[in-house]
Amino acid sequence: MVGKHESGGIGAGTGVHTNTGIGTGKGIGAGIGAGALWGLVFLAPQLAPGFTPLQLSAGRYLAYGLAAAVLIAPSWRRLAAVLAWRDWCALAWLGFTGNILYYVLLAQAVRGGGVAMAALVIGLLPLAVTLVGSREHGAVALRRLLPSLALGLAGLACTSRQSLATLGRDALPGLLCALGALVSWTVYAVGNSRRLAGLRALSPHDWNLLTGVATGIEALLLALPAFFPHLLPAGVGPDAPVHAAADWLRFAAIAGGVAILCSIVGNGLWNVASRALPLTLMGQMIVFETIFAAGYGFLWERRWPTGLEAAALALLVAGVASCAAVHRRDGRQPDG
């Protein structure tokens, strides 16, 4: 395709990112910022208890798509000129796995097993992404990352002791949904990082907005079963509870807030980090979503963390610091 930017598919790219002009320090800072915003996602199902996971997902990503379309409109012609068909296919795939499917599964996991259980399973994302990244060509050897992974797993073990002890058989569907969300977002994180490594004609912000447009279009397919199940044949769509006008306004505010803070700003920061850092370090950045989600949970419950919970958070932070130190000594990233 003449005039189009030719990049590899979802599997393109390597584990070692070239110097993009974004220092390691700024990349890590962007990853921390993304985690701080993404942690808010775990509160959304609690703030809108009367709405289904499908409604939460459709509302959030319709708002994400609308906001992204408005923001990207002035640059649309320029962006369309550098995108090939394979790039649009990648955007559709990433929007589905990293946004719609992930959030439906996460919301159902929170409803079925609670915030603590969902956060625990999603907390395995750093391990999953780092293991995949360690197999990339030129990546830091896995054996050198074992101390940081061990610290992270120790932190998760501290948080899981009480959470898993209180789970009953009725929480099994929620646990399975959490595991599905783990797989879905791992696929997204790896594919998105590889894609960004080969798209030098676009900024991380542009890619995030394009992903938002693709996600918003896909979310239209969710709108009918989510908000108008009575228009579907009997037994096809889920039952939708009746809500007052005030409830819908609250839902719209929550969906819009999550879309702006978590998707527009949070995903944009994540893309900045993804372009600056290798997968083996990017995986550790996901820890901050767990850390901030736990912190917001403590604020929501109006309590201080227990000794075990505080130890867990300290171990998670130590794991990230250890991983960053390995990459700094390895010399694969410019000093921040």
C-alpha atoms as a PDB file:
ATOM      1  CA  MET A   1       0.000   0.000   0.000  1.00  0.00           C
ATOM      2  CA  VAL A   2       1.772   3.113  -1.250  1.00  0.00           C
ATOM      3  CA  GLY A   3       2.195   5.864   1.292  1.00  0.00           C
ATOM      4  CA  LYS A   4       1.198   3.647   4.192  1.00  0.00           C
ATOM      5  CA  HIS A   5       3.412   2.860   7.147  1.00  0.00           C
ATOM      6  CA  GLU A   6       4.335  -0.808   6.876  1.00  0.00           C
ATOM      7  CA  SER A   7       4.805  -2.403  10.256  1.00  0.00           C
ATOM      8  CA  GLY A   8       4.871  -5.949  11.502  1.00  0.00           C
ATOM      9  CA  GLY A   9       1.881  -7.797  12.823  1.00  0.00           C
ATOM     10  CA  ILE A  10       0.971  -8.336  16.431  1.00  0.00           C
ATOM     11  CA  GLY A  11       3.953 -10.581  16.788  1.00  0.00           C
ATOM     12  CA  ALA A  12       6.399  -8.026  15.438  1.00  0.00           C
ATOM     13  CA  GLY A  13       9.025  -6.355  17.551  1.00  0.00           C
ATOM     14  CA  THR A  14      11.682  -7.485  19.983  1.00  0.00           C
ATOM     15  CA  GLY A  15      12.149  -7.521  23.698  1.00  0.00           C
ATOM     16  CA  VAL A  16      14.691  -4.697  23.533  1.00  0.00           C
ATOM     17  CA  HIS A  17      13.355  -1.286  22.726  1.00  0.00           C
ATOM     18  CA  THR A  18      15.469   1.238  20.960  1.00  0.00           C
ATOM     19  CA  ASN A  19      16.125   4.623  22.493  1.00  0.00           C
ATOM     20  CA  THR A  20      12.975   6.593  21.787  1.00  0.00           C
ATOM     21  CA  GLY A  21      14.096   9.782  23.483  1.00  0.00           C
ATOM     22  CA  ILE A  22      12.060   8.821  26.537  1.00  0.00           C
ATOM     23  CA  GLY A  23      14.337   8.048  29.469  1.00  0.00           C
ATOM     24  CA  THR A  24      13.863   5.028  31.687  1.00  0.00           C
ATOM     25  CA  GLY A  25      12.933   7.270  34.608  1.00  0.00           C
ATOM     26  CA  LYS A  26      10.158   8.926  32.634  1.00  0.00           C
ATOM     27  CA  GLY A  27       8.980   5.541  31.372  1.00  0.00           C
ATOM     28  CA  ILE A  28       8.767   4.199  34.918  1.00  0.00           C
ATOM     29  CA  GLY A  29       7.002   7.372  36.046  1.00  0.00           C
ATOM     30  CA  ALA A  30       4.452   6.951  33.261  1.00  0.00           C
ATOM     31  CA  GLY A  31       3.923   3.320  34.297  1.00  0.00           C
ATOM     32  CA  ILE A  32       3.335   4.374  37.904  1.00  0.00           C
ATOM     33  CA  GLY A  33       0.871   7.046  36.774  1.00  0.00           C
ATOM     34  CA  ALA A  34      -1.022   4.511  34.679  1.00  0.00           C
ATOM     35  CA  GLY A  35      -1.244   2.163  37.655  1.00  0.00           C
ATOM     36  CA  ALA A  36      -2.536   4.938  39.888  1.00  0.00           C
ATOM     37  CA  LEU A  37      -5.385   5.625  37.466  1.00  0.00           C
ATOM     38  CA  TRP A  38      -6.123   2.009  36.601  1.00  0.00           C
ATOM     39  CA  GLY A  39      -6.509   1.189  40.270  1.00  0.00           C
ATOM     40  CA  LEU A  40      -9.735   3.183  40.191  1.00  0.00           C
ATOM     41  CA  VAL A  41     -11.266   0.529  37.909  1.00  0.00           C
ATOM     42  CA  PHE A  42     -11.632  -1.837  40.861  1.00  0.00           C
ATOM     43  CA  LEU A  43     -13.931   0.638  42.615  1.00  0.00           C
ATOM     44  CA  ALA A  44     -16.298   1.187  39.684  1.00  0.00           C
ATOM     45  CA  PRO A  45     -18.403  -1.975  40.216  1.00  0.00           C
ATOM     46  CA  GLN A  46     -18.801  -0.997  43.866  1.00  0.00           C
ATOM     47  CA  LEU A  47     -19.847   2.554  42.977  1.00  0.00           C
ATOM     48  CA  ALA A  48     -22.532   1.289  40.583  1.00  0.00           C
ATOM     49  CA  PRO A  49     -23.799  -1.889  42.304  1.00  0.00           C
ATOM     50  CA  GLY A  50     -27.115  -2.016  40.470  1.00  0.00           C
ATOM     51  CA  PHE A  51     -25.596  -2.271  37.002  1.00  0.00           C
ATOM     52  CA  THR A  52     -24.365  -5.419  35.290  1.00  0.00           C
ATOM     53  CA  PRO A  53     -20.736  -6.005  34.214  1.00  0.00           C
ATOM     54  CA  LEU A  54     -21.902  -5.837  30.594  1.00  0.00           C
ATOM     55  CA  GLN A  55     -23.455  -2.412  31.209  1.00  0.00           C
ATOM     56  CA  LEU A  56     -20.328  -1.165  32.989  1.00  0.00           C
ATOM     57  CA  SER A  57     -18.141  -2.296  30.110  1.00  0.00           C
ATOM     58  CA  ALA A  58     -20.419  -0.920  27.387  1.00  0.00           C
ATOM     59  CA  GLY A  59     -20.835   2.414  29.179  1.00  0.00           C
ATOM     60  CA  ARG A  60     -17.140   2.880  29.832  1.00  0.00           C
ATOM     61  CA  TYR A  61     -16.005   2.070  26.319  1.00  0.00           C
ATOM     62  CA  LEU A  62     -18.756   3.972  24.560  1.00  0.00           C
ATOM     63  CA  ALA A  63     -17.583   6.999  26.540  1.00  0.00           C
ATOM     64  CA  TYR A  64     -13.941   6.130  25.734  1.00  0.00           C
ATOM     65  CA  GLY A  65     -14.705   5.893  22.031  1.00  0.00           C
ATOM     66  CA  LEU A  66     -16.660   9.152  21.987  1.00  0.00           C
ATOM     67  CA  ALA A  67     -13.974  11.088  23.847  1.00  0.00           C
ATOM     68  CA  ALA A  68     -11.221   9.604  21.670  1.00  0.00           C
ATOM     69  CA  ALA A  69     -13.110  10.467  18.475  1.00  0.00           C
ATOM     70  CA  VAL A  70     -13.497  14.092  19.565  1.00  0.00           C
ATOM     71  CA  LEU A  71      -9.836  14.419  20.537  1.00  0.00           C
ATOM     72  CA  ILE A  72      -8.493  12.740  17.408  1.00  0.00           C
ATOM     73  CA  ALA A  73     -10.721  14.523  14.879  1.00  0.00           C
ATOM     74  CA  PRO A  74      -8.238  17.361  14.102  1.00  0.00           C
ATOM     75  CA  SER A  75      -5.489  14.822  13.306  1.00  0.00           C
ATOM     76  CA  TRP A  76      -7.613  12.221  11.554  1.00  0.00           C
ATOM     77  CA  ARG A  77      -6.354  12.781   7.988  1.00  0.00           C
ATOM     78  CA  ARG A  78      -2.717  12.769   9.056  1.00  0.00           C
ATOM     79  CA  LEU A  79      -3.133   9.533  11.023  1.00  0.00           C
ATOM     80  CA  ALA A  80      -5.163   7.787   8.322  1.00  0.00           C
ATOM     81  CA  ALA A  81      -2.356   8.473   5.841  1.00  0.00           C
ATOM     82  CA  VAL A  82       0.206   6.451   7.847  1.00  0.00           C
ATOM     83  CA  LEU A  83      -1.962   3.493   8.884  1.00  0.00           C
ATOM     84  CA  ALA A  84      -2.106   0.266   6.906  1.00  0.00           C
ATOM     85  CA  TRP A  85      -4.977  -2.253   6.980  1.00  0.00           C
ATOM     86  CA  ARG A  86      -2.995  -4.498   9.329  1.00  0.00           C
ATOM     87  CA  ASP A  87      -2.739  -1.587  11.773  1.00  0.00           C
ATOM     88  CA  TRP A  88      -6.528  -1.229  11.860  1.00  0.00           C
ATOM     89  CA  CYS A  89      -6.857  -4.969  12.451  1.00  0.00           C
ATOM     90  CA  ALA A  90      -4.375  -4.686  15.298  1.00  0.00           C
ATOM     91  CA  LEU A  91      -6.342  -1.800  16.819  1.00  0.00           C
ATOM     92  CA  ALA A  92      -9.541  -3.840  16.704  1.00  0.00           C
ATOM     93  CA  TRP A  93      -7.867  -6.847  18.311  1.00  0.00           C
ATOM     94  CA  LEU A  94      -6.147  -4.810  21.025  1.00  0.00           C
ATOM     95  CA  GLY A  95      -9.326  -2.877  21.773  1.00  0.00           C
ATOM     96  CA  PHE A  96     -11.226  -6.122  22.258  1.00  0.00           C
ATOM     97  CA  THR A  97      -8.705  -8.072  24.337  1.00  0.00           C
ATOM     98  CA  GLY A  98      -7.358  -5.205  26.435  1.00  0.00           C
ATOM     99  CA  ASN A  99     -10.572  -3.286  26.954  1.00  0.00           C
ATOM    100  CA  ILE A 100     -13.942  -4.876  26.319  1.00  0.00           C
ATOM    101  CA  LEU A 101     -13.262  -8.532  27.113  1.00  0.00           C
ATOM    102  CA  TYR A 102     -10.919  -7.693  29.991  1.00  0.00           C
ATOM    103  CA  TYR A 103     -13.311  -5.302  31.688  1.00  0.00           C
ATOM    104  CA  VAL A 104     -16.367  -7.554  31.338  1.00  0.00           C
ATOM    105  CA  LEU A 105     -14.415 -10.376  32.965  1.00  0.00           C
ATOM    106  CA  LEU A 106     -12.936  -8.107  35.649  1.00  0.00           C
ATOM    107  CA  ALA A 107     -16.287  -6.602  36.611  1.00  0.00           C
ATOM    108  CA  GLN A 108     -17.812 -10.081  36.848  1.00  0.00           C
ATOM    109  CA  ALA A 109     -14.851 -11.240  38.938  1.00  0.00           C
ATOM    110  CA  VAL A 110     -15.302  -8.353  41.381  1.00  0.00           C
ATOM    111  CA  ARG A 111     -19.011  -9.117  41.654  1.00  0.00           C
ATOM    112  CA  GLY A 112     -18.469 -12.849  42.058  1.00  0.00           C
ATOM    113  CA  GLY A 113     -15.434 -12.935  44.327  1.00  0.00           C
ATOM    114  CA  GLY A 114     -14.833  -9.427  45.658  1.00  0.00           C
ATOM    115  CA  VAL A 115     -12.215  -6.740  45.062  1.00  0.00           C
ATOM    116  CA  ALA A 116      -9.492  -8.539  47.039  1.00  0.00           C
ATOM    117  CA  MET A 117      -9.730 -11.779  45.066  1.00  0.00           C
ATOM    118  CA  ALA A 118      -9.884  -9.982  41.720  1.00  0.00           C
ATOM    119  CA  ALA A 119      -6.924  -7.760  42.603  1.00  0.00           C
ATOM    120  CA  LEU A 120      -4.970 -10.824  43.720  1.00  0.00           C
ATOM    121  CA  VAL A 121      -5.414 -12.698  40.439  1.00  0.00           C
ATOM    122  CA  ILE A 122      -4.801  -9.592  38.336  1.00  0.00           C
ATOM    123  CA  GLY A 123      -1.710  -9.099  40.480  1.00  0.00           C
ATOM    124  CA  LEU A 124      -0.209 -12.071  38.627  1.00  0.00           C
ATOM    125  CA  LEU A 125      -0.028  -9.955  35.455  1.00  0.00           C
ATOM    126  CA  PRO A 126       3.552  -8.782  36.138  1.00  0.00           C
ATOM    127  CA  LEU A 127       4.691 -12.399  36.341  1.00  0.00           C
ATOM    128  CA  ALA A 128       2.842 -13.373  33.161  1.00  0.00           C
ATOM    129  CA  VAL A 129       4.060 -10.425  31.080  1.00  0.00           C
ATOM    130  CA  THR A 130       7.636 -10.674  32.383  1.00  0.00           C
ATOM    131  CA  LEU A 131       7.784 -14.390  31.571  1.00  0.00           C
ATOM    132  CA  VAL A 132       6.637 -13.664  28.008  1.00  0.00           C
ATOM    133  CA  GLY A 133       9.060 -10.753  27.704  1.00  0.00           C
ATOM    134  CA  SER A 134      11.998 -12.848  28.885  1.00  0.00           C
ATOM    135  CA  ARG A 135      11.583 -15.027  25.791  1.00  0.00           C
ATOM    136  CA  GLU A 136      11.986 -12.056  23.444  1.00  0.00           C
ATOM    137  CA  HIS A 137      15.190 -11.784  21.425  1.00  0.00           C
ATOM    138  CA  GLY A 138      17.849  -9.892  23.365  1.00  0.00           C
ATOM    139  CA  ALA A 139      15.805  -9.668  26.582  1.00  0.00           C
ATOM    140  CA  VAL A 140      17.312  -9.800  30.061  1.00  0.00           C
ATOM    141  CA  ALA A 141      17.796 -13.432  31.117  1.00  0.00           C
ATOM    142  CA  LEU A 142      14.976 -14.818  33.241  1.00  0.00           C
ATOM    143  CA  ARG A 143      17.377 -16.041  35.934  1.00  0.00           C
ATOM    144  CA  ARG A 144      18.425 -12.432  36.577  1.00  0.00           C
ATOM    145  CA  LEU A 145      14.789 -11.460  37.063  1.00  0.00           C
ATOM    146  CA  LEU A 146      13.992 -14.245  39.524  1.00  0.00           C
ATOM    147  CA  PRO A 147      14.706 -12.142  42.665  1.00  0.00           C
ATOM    148  CA  SER A 148      12.264  -9.427  41.589  1.00  0.00           C
ATOM    149  CA  LEU A 149       9.643 -12.019  40.612  1.00  0.00           C
ATOM    150  CA  ALA A 150      10.114 -13.782  43.944  1.00  0.00           C
ATOM    151  CA  LEU A 151       9.579 -10.516  45.836  1.00  0.00           C
ATOM    152  CA  GLY A 152       6.407  -9.857  43.863  1.00  0.00           C
ATOM    153  CA  LEU A 153       5.062 -13.352  44.481  1.00  0.00           C
ATOM    154  CA  ALA A 154       5.868 -13.016  48.187  1.00  0.00           C
ATOM    155  CA  GLY A 155       3.875  -9.800  48.268  1.00  0.00           C
ATOM    156  CA  LEU A 156       0.921 -11.480  46.573  1.00  0.00           C
ATOM    157  CA  ALA A 157       1.186 -14.410  49.004  1.00  0.00           C
ATOM    158  CA  CYS A 158       0.801 -11.975  51.903  1.00  0.00           C
ATOM    159  CA  THR A 159      -2.363 -10.508  50.415  1.00  0.00           C
ATOM    160  CA  SER A 160      -3.797 -13.846  49.345  1.00  0.00           C
ATOM    161  CA  ARG A 161      -3.716 -15.597  52.700  1.00  0.00           C
ATOM    162  CA  GLN A 162      -6.843 -13.988  54.077  1.00  0.00           C
ATOM    163  CA  SER A 163      -8.585 -13.476  50.737  1.00  0.00           C
ATOM    164  CA  LEU A 164      -8.352 -17.098  49.640  1.00  0.00           C
ATOM    165  CA  ALA A 165      -9.282 -18.380  53.094  1.00  0.00           C
ATOM    166  CA  THR A 166     -12.636 -16.627  52.908  1.00  0.00           C
ATOM    167  CA  LEU A 167     -13.532 -17.786  49.385  1.00  0.00           C
ATOM    168  CA  GLY A 168     -16.314 -20.325  49.083  1.00  0.00           C
ATOM    169  CA  ARG A 169     -17.513 -22.489  46.240  1.00  0.00           C
ATOM    170  CA  ASP A 170     -19.884 -19.747  45.149  1.00  0.00           C
ATOM    171  CA  ALA A 171     -16.837 -17.623  44.313  1.00  0.00           C
ATOM    172  CA  LEU A 172     -15.536 -20.109  41.718  1.00  0.00           C
ATOM    173  CA  PRO A 173     -17.219 -18.369  38.729  1.00  0.00           C
ATOM    174  CA  GLY A 174     -15.695 -15.076  39.851  1.00  0.00           C
ATOM    175  CA  LEU A 175     -12.277 -16.711  40.161  1.00  0.00           C
ATOM    176  CA  LEU A 176     -12.550 -18.160  36.660  1.00  0.00           C
ATOM    177  CA  CYS A 177     -13.514 -14.736  35.300  1.00  0.00           C
ATOM    178  CA  ALA A 178     -10.485 -13.218  37.033  1.00  0.00           C
ATOM    179  CA  LEU A 179      -8.227 -15.827  35.417  1.00  0.00           C
ATOM    180  CA  GLY A 180      -9.809 -15.061  32.046  1.00  0.00           C
ATOM    181  CA  ALA A 181      -9.132 -11.363  32.593  1.00  0.00           C
ATOM    182  CA  LEU A 182      -5.515 -12.217  33.430  1.00  0.00           C
ATOM    183  CA  VAL A 183      -5.050 -14.045  30.122  1.00  0.00           C
ATOM    184  CA  SER A 184      -6.894 -11.382  28.122  1.00  0.00           C
ATOM    185  CA  TRP A 185      -4.816  -8.489  29.434  1.00  0.00           C
ATOM    186  CA  THR A 186      -1.537 -10.384  29.112  1.00  0.00           C
ATOM    187  CA  VAL A 187      -2.306 -10.847  25.408  1.00  0.00           C
ATOM    188  CA  TYR A 188      -3.067  -7.125  25.153  1.00  0.00           C
ATOM    189  CA  ALA A 189       0.038  -5.952  27.038  1.00  0.00           C
ATOM    190  CA  VAL A 190       2.406  -8.044  24.932  1.00  0.00           C
ATOM    191  CA  GLY A 191       0.711  -7.239  21.616  1.00  0.00           C
ATOM    192  CA  ASN A 192       0.439  -3.520  22.368  1.00  0.00           C
ATOM    193  CA  SER A 193       4.090  -3.234  23.389  1.00  0.00           C
ATOM    194  CA  ARG A 194       5.267  -5.010  20.255  1.00  0.00           C
ATOM    195  CA  ARG A 195       3.037  -2.898  18.067  1.00  0.00           C
ATOM    196  CA  LEU A 196       4.246   0.375  19.552  1.00  0.00           C
ATOM    197  CA  ALA A 197       7.851  -0.715  18.982  1.00  0.00           C
ATOM    198  CA  GLY A 198       7.215  -0.748  15.232  1.00  0.00           C
ATOM    199  CA  LEU A 199       5.036   2.357  14.846  1.00  0.00           C
ATOM    200  CA  ARG A 200       7.452   5.273  14.836  1.00  0.00           C
ATOM    201  CA  ALA A 201       5.143   7.466  12.760  1.00  0.00           C
ATOM    202  CA  LEU A 202       2.624   7.680  15.604  1.00  0.00           C
ATOM    203  CA  SER A 203       2.917   8.977  19.144  1.00  0.00           C
ATOM    204  CA  PRO A 204       1.731   6.858  22.117  1.00  0.00           C
ATOM    205  CA  HIS A 205      -1.120   9.341  22.550  1.00  0.00           C
ATOM    206  CA  ASP A 206      -2.214   8.915  18.927  1.00  0.00           C
ATOM    207  CA  TRP A 207      -2.178   5.135  19.264  1.00  0.00           C
ATOM    208  CA  ASN A 208      -4.243   5.318  22.452  1.00  0.00           C
ATOM    209  CA  LEU A 209      -6.882   7.512  20.821  1.00  0.00           C
ATOM    210  CA  LEU A 210      -7.030   5.237  17.772  1.00  0.00           C
ATOM    211  CA  THR A 211      -7.467   2.269  20.101  1.00  0.00           C
ATOM    212  CA  GLY A 212     -10.261   4.193  21.785  1.00  0.00           C
ATOM    213  CA  VAL A 213     -12.068   4.767  18.494  1.00  0.00           C
ATOM    214  CA  ALA A 214     -11.805   1.058  17.637  1.00  0.00           C
ATOM    215  CA  THR A 215     -12.988   0.101  21.124  1.00  0.00           C
ATOM    216  CA  GLY A 216     -15.911   2.508  20.937  1.00  0.00           C
ATOM    217  CA  ILE A 217     -17.083   0.967  17.664  1.00  0.00           C
ATOM    218  CA  GLU A 218     -16.865  -2.497  19.203  1.00  0.00           C
ATOM    219  CA  ALA A 219     -18.734  -1.279  22.285  1.00  0.00           C
ATOM    220  CA  LEU A 220     -21.706  -0.412  20.052  1.00  0.00           C
ATOM    221  CA  LEU A 221     -22.208  -4.151  19.657  1.00  0.00           C
ATOM    222  CA  LEU A 222     -22.554  -4.409  23.433  1.00  0.00           C
ATOM    223  CA  ALA A 223     -25.059  -1.573  23.720  1.00  0.00           C
ATOM    224  CA  LEU A 224     -28.079  -3.568  22.554  1.00  0.00           C
ATOM    225  CA  PRO A 225     -27.774  -6.524  24.964  1.00  0.00           C
ATOM    226  CA  ALA A 226     -26.491  -4.238  27.732  1.00  0.00           C
ATOM    227  CA  PHE A 227     -29.091  -1.479  27.679  1.00  0.00           C
ATOM    228  CA  PHE A 228     -31.945  -2.754  25.507  1.00  0.00           C
ATOM    229  CA  PRO A 229     -32.287  -6.484  26.238  1.00  0.00           C
ATOM    230  CA  HIS A 230     -36.068  -6.227  25.830  1.00  0.00           C
ATOM    231  CA  LEU A 231     -35.496  -5.671  22.092  1.00  0.00           C
ATOM    232  CA  LEU A 232     -33.790  -9.038  21.742  1.00  0.00           C
ATOM    233  CA  PRO A 233     -35.569 -12.382  21.326  1.00  0.00           C
ATOM    234  CA  ALA A 234     -36.648 -13.965  24.590  1.00  0.00           C
ATOM    235  CA  GLY A 235     -33.809 -15.695  26.387  1.00  0.00           C
ATOM    236  CA  VAL A 236     -31.055 -14.117  24.277  1.00  0.00           C
ATOM    237  CA  GLY A 237     -30.086 -11.084  26.349  1.00  0.00           C
ATOM    238  CA  PRO A 238     -29.530 -10.835  30.116  1.00  0.00           C
ATOM    239  CA  ASP A 239     -32.251  -9.469  32.362  1.00  0.00           C
ATOM    240  CA  ALA A 240     -31.736  -5.761  33.013  1.00  0.00           C
ATOM    241  CA  PRO A 241     -32.927  -4.261  36.311  1.00  0.00           C
ATOM    242  CA  VAL A 242     -35.020  -1.118  36.190  1.00  0.00           C
ATOM    243  CA  HIS A 243     -33.226   2.048  37.312  1.00  0.00           C
ATOM    244  CA  ALA A 244     -34.416   5.532  38.202  1.00  0.00           C
ATOM    245  CA  ALA A 245     -33.211   8.586  36.290  1.00  0.00           C
ATOM    246  CA  ALA A 246     -30.857   9.508  39.151  1.00  0.00           C
ATOM    247  CA  ASP A 247     -29.262   6.055  38.952  1.00  0.00           C
ATOM    248  CA  TRP A 248     -28.615   6.480  35.231  1.00  0.00           C
ATOM    249  CA  LEU A 249     -27.034   9.890  35.804  1.00  0.00           C
ATOM    250  CA  ARG A 250     -24.749   8.388  38.436  1.00  0.00           C
ATOM    251  CA  PHE A 251     -23.886   5.540  36.069  1.00  0.00           C
ATOM    252  CA  ALA A 252     -23.097   7.977  33.247  1.00  0.00           C
ATOM    253  CA  ALA A 253     -20.833  10.010  35.531  1.00  0.00           C
ATOM    254  CA  ILE A 254     -18.973   6.891  36.668  1.00  0.00           C
ATOM    255  CA  ALA A 255     -18.628   5.524  33.117  1.00  0.00           C
ATOM    256  CA  GLY A 256     -17.436   8.897  31.815  1.00  0.00           C
ATOM    257  CA  GLY A 257     -15.006   9.391  34.684  1.00  0.00           C
ATOM    258  CA  VAL A 258     -13.489   5.935  34.253  1.00  0.00           C
ATOM    259  CA  ALA A 259     -13.255   6.478  30.486  1.00  0.00           C
ATOM    260  CA  ILE A 260     -11.389   9.786  30.825  1.00  0.00           C
ATOM    261  CA  LEU A 261      -9.135   8.931  33.778  1.00  0.00           C
ATOM    262  CA  CYS A 262      -8.424   5.246  33.167  1.00  0.00           C
ATOM    263  CA  SER A 263      -8.708   4.918  29.394  1.00  0.00           C
ATOM    264  CA  ILE A 264      -7.722   8.276  27.902  1.00  0.00           C
ATOM    265  CA  VAL A 265      -5.120   9.360  30.464  1.00  0.00           C
ATOM    266  CA  GLY A 266      -4.154   6.010  31.996  1.00  0.00           C
ATOM    267  CA  ASN A 267      -3.789   4.143  28.705  1.00  0.00           C
ATOM    268  CA  GLY A 268      -1.906   7.095  27.239  1.00  0.00           C
ATOM    269  CA  LEU A 269       0.624   6.959  30.075  1.00  0.00           C
ATOM    270  CA  TRP A 270       0.902   3.200  29.628  1.00  0.00           C
ATOM    271  CA  ASN A 271       1.709   3.625  25.941  1.00  0.00           C
ATOM    272  CA  VAL A 272       4.458   6.097  26.838  1.00  0.00           C
ATOM    273  CA  ALA A 273       5.928   3.524  29.203  1.00  0.00           C
ATOM    274  CA  SER A 274       5.479   0.714  26.659  1.00  0.00           C
ATOM    275  CA  ARG A 275       7.531   2.580  24.084  1.00  0.00           C
ATOM    276  CA  ALA A 276      10.291   3.424  26.587  1.00  0.00           C
ATOM    277  CA  LEU A 277      10.673   0.132  28.455  1.00  0.00           C
ATOM    278  CA  PRO A 278      11.232  -3.523  27.476  1.00  0.00           C
ATOM    279  CA  LEU A 279       8.557  -6.106  28.261  1.00  0.00           C
ATOM    280  CA  THR A 280      10.607  -7.579  31.088  1.00  0.00           C
ATOM    281  CA  LEU A 281      10.418  -4.241  32.908  1.00  0.00           C
ATOM    282  CA  MET A 282       6.950  -3.296  31.650  1.00  0.00           C
ATOM    283  CA  GLY A 283       5.536  -6.365  33.361  1.00  0.00           C
ATOM    284  CA  GLN A 284       6.653  -5.016  36.712  1.00  0.00           C
ATOM    285  CA  MET A 285       4.917  -1.698  36.081  1.00  0.00           C
ATOM    286  CA  ILE A 286       1.554  -3.479  36.306  1.00  0.00           C
ATOM    287  CA  VAL A 287       2.283  -4.015  40.010  1.00  0.00           C
ATOM    288  CA  PHE A 288       1.322  -0.404  40.627  1.00  0.00           C
ATOM    289  CA  GLU A 289      -2.256  -1.085  39.572  1.00  0.00           C
ATOM    290  CA  THR A 290      -2.454  -3.637  42.389  1.00  0.00           C
ATOM    291  CA  ILE A 291      -0.749  -1.289  44.855  1.00  0.00           C
ATOM    292  CA  PHE A 292      -3.043   1.634  44.120  1.00  0.00           C
ATOM    293  CA  ALA A 293      -6.144  -0.580  43.943  1.00  0.00           C
ATOM    294  CA  ALA A 294      -5.312  -1.831  47.436  1.00  0.00           C
ATOM    295  CA  GLY A 295      -4.778   1.739  48.645  1.00  0.00           C
ATOM    296  CA  TYR A 296      -8.117   2.873  47.248  1.00  0.00           C
ATOM    297  CA  GLY A 297      -9.709  -0.160  48.869  1.00  0.00           C
ATOM    298  CA  PHE A 298      -8.332   0.874  52.262  1.00  0.00           C
ATOM    299  CA  LEU A 299      -9.728   4.378  51.762  1.00  0.00           C
ATOM    300  CA  TRP A 300     -13.088   2.955  50.696  1.00  0.00           C
ATOM    301  CA  GLU A 301     -13.192   0.769  53.803  1.00  0.00           C
ATOM    302  CA  ARG A 302     -11.864   3.639  55.956  1.00  0.00           C
ATOM    303  CA  ARG A 303      -9.072   1.681  57.557  1.00  0.00           C
ATOM    304  CA  TRP A 304      -5.299   1.374  57.651  1.00  0.00           C
ATOM    305  CA  PRO A 305      -3.617  -1.670  56.118  1.00  0.00           C
ATOM    306  CA  THR A 306      -2.828  -4.519  58.459  1.00  0.00           C
ATOM    307  CA  GLY A 307       0.762  -5.511  59.115  1.00  0.00           C
ATOM    308  CA  LEU A 308       0.525  -8.293  56.551  1.00  0.00           C
ATOM    309  CA  GLU A 309      -0.987  -5.963  53.963  1.00  0.00           C
ATOM    310  CA  ALA A 310       1.701  -3.337  54.561  1.00  0.00           C
ATOM    311  CA  ALA A 311       4.379  -6.016  54.181  1.00  0.00           C
ATOM    312  CA  ALA A 312       2.773  -7.120  50.923  1.00  0.00           C
ATOM    313  CA  LEU A 313       2.883  -3.610  49.478  1.00  0.00           C
ATOM    314  CA  ALA A 314       6.499  -3.181  50.545  1.00  0.00           C
ATOM    315  CA  LEU A 315       7.475  -6.468  48.882  1.00  0.00           C
ATOM    316  CA  LEU A 316       5.709  -5.485  45.650  1.00  0.00           C
ATOM    317  CA  VAL A 317       7.572  -2.170  45.521  1.00  0.00           C
ATOM    318  CA  ALA A 318      10.856  -3.936  46.310  1.00  0.00           C
ATOM    319  CA  GLY A 319      10.227  -6.301  43.406  1.00  0.00           C
ATOM    320  CA  VAL A 320       9.851  -3.406  40.977  1.00  0.00           C
ATOM    321  CA  ALA A 321      12.981  -1.700  42.338  1.00  0.00           C
ATOM    322  CA  SER A 322      14.947  -4.948  41.958  1.00  0.00           C
ATOM    323  CA  CYS A 323      13.794  -5.399  38.364  1.00  0.00           C
ATOM    324  CA  ALA A 324      14.681  -1.796  37.474  1.00  0.00           C
ATOM    325  CA  ALA A 325      18.142  -2.239  39.012  1.00  0.00           C
ATOM    326  CA  VAL A 326      18.767  -5.342  36.875  1.00  0.00           C
ATOM    327  CA  HIS A 327      17.891  -3.454  33.697  1.00  0.00           C
ATOM    328  CA  ARG A 328      20.032  -0.480  34.725  1.00  0.00           C
ATOM    329  CA  ARG A 329      23.058  -2.708  35.349  1.00  0.00           C
ATOM    330  CA  ASP A 330      22.396  -4.501  32.072  1.00  0.00           C
ATOM    331  CA  GLY A 331      22.672  -1.182  30.259  1.00  0.00           C
ATOM    332  CA  ARG A 332      19.767  -1.852  27.905  1.00  0.00           C
ATOM    333  CA  GLN A 333      17.955   1.340  28.743  1.00  0.00           C
ATOM    334  CA  PRO A 334      19.180   4.952  28.915  1.00  0.00           C
ATOM    335  CA  ASP A 335      19.451   6.371  32.403  1.00  0.00           C
ATOM    336  CA  GLY A 336      16.391   8.336  33.488  1.00  0.00           C
END
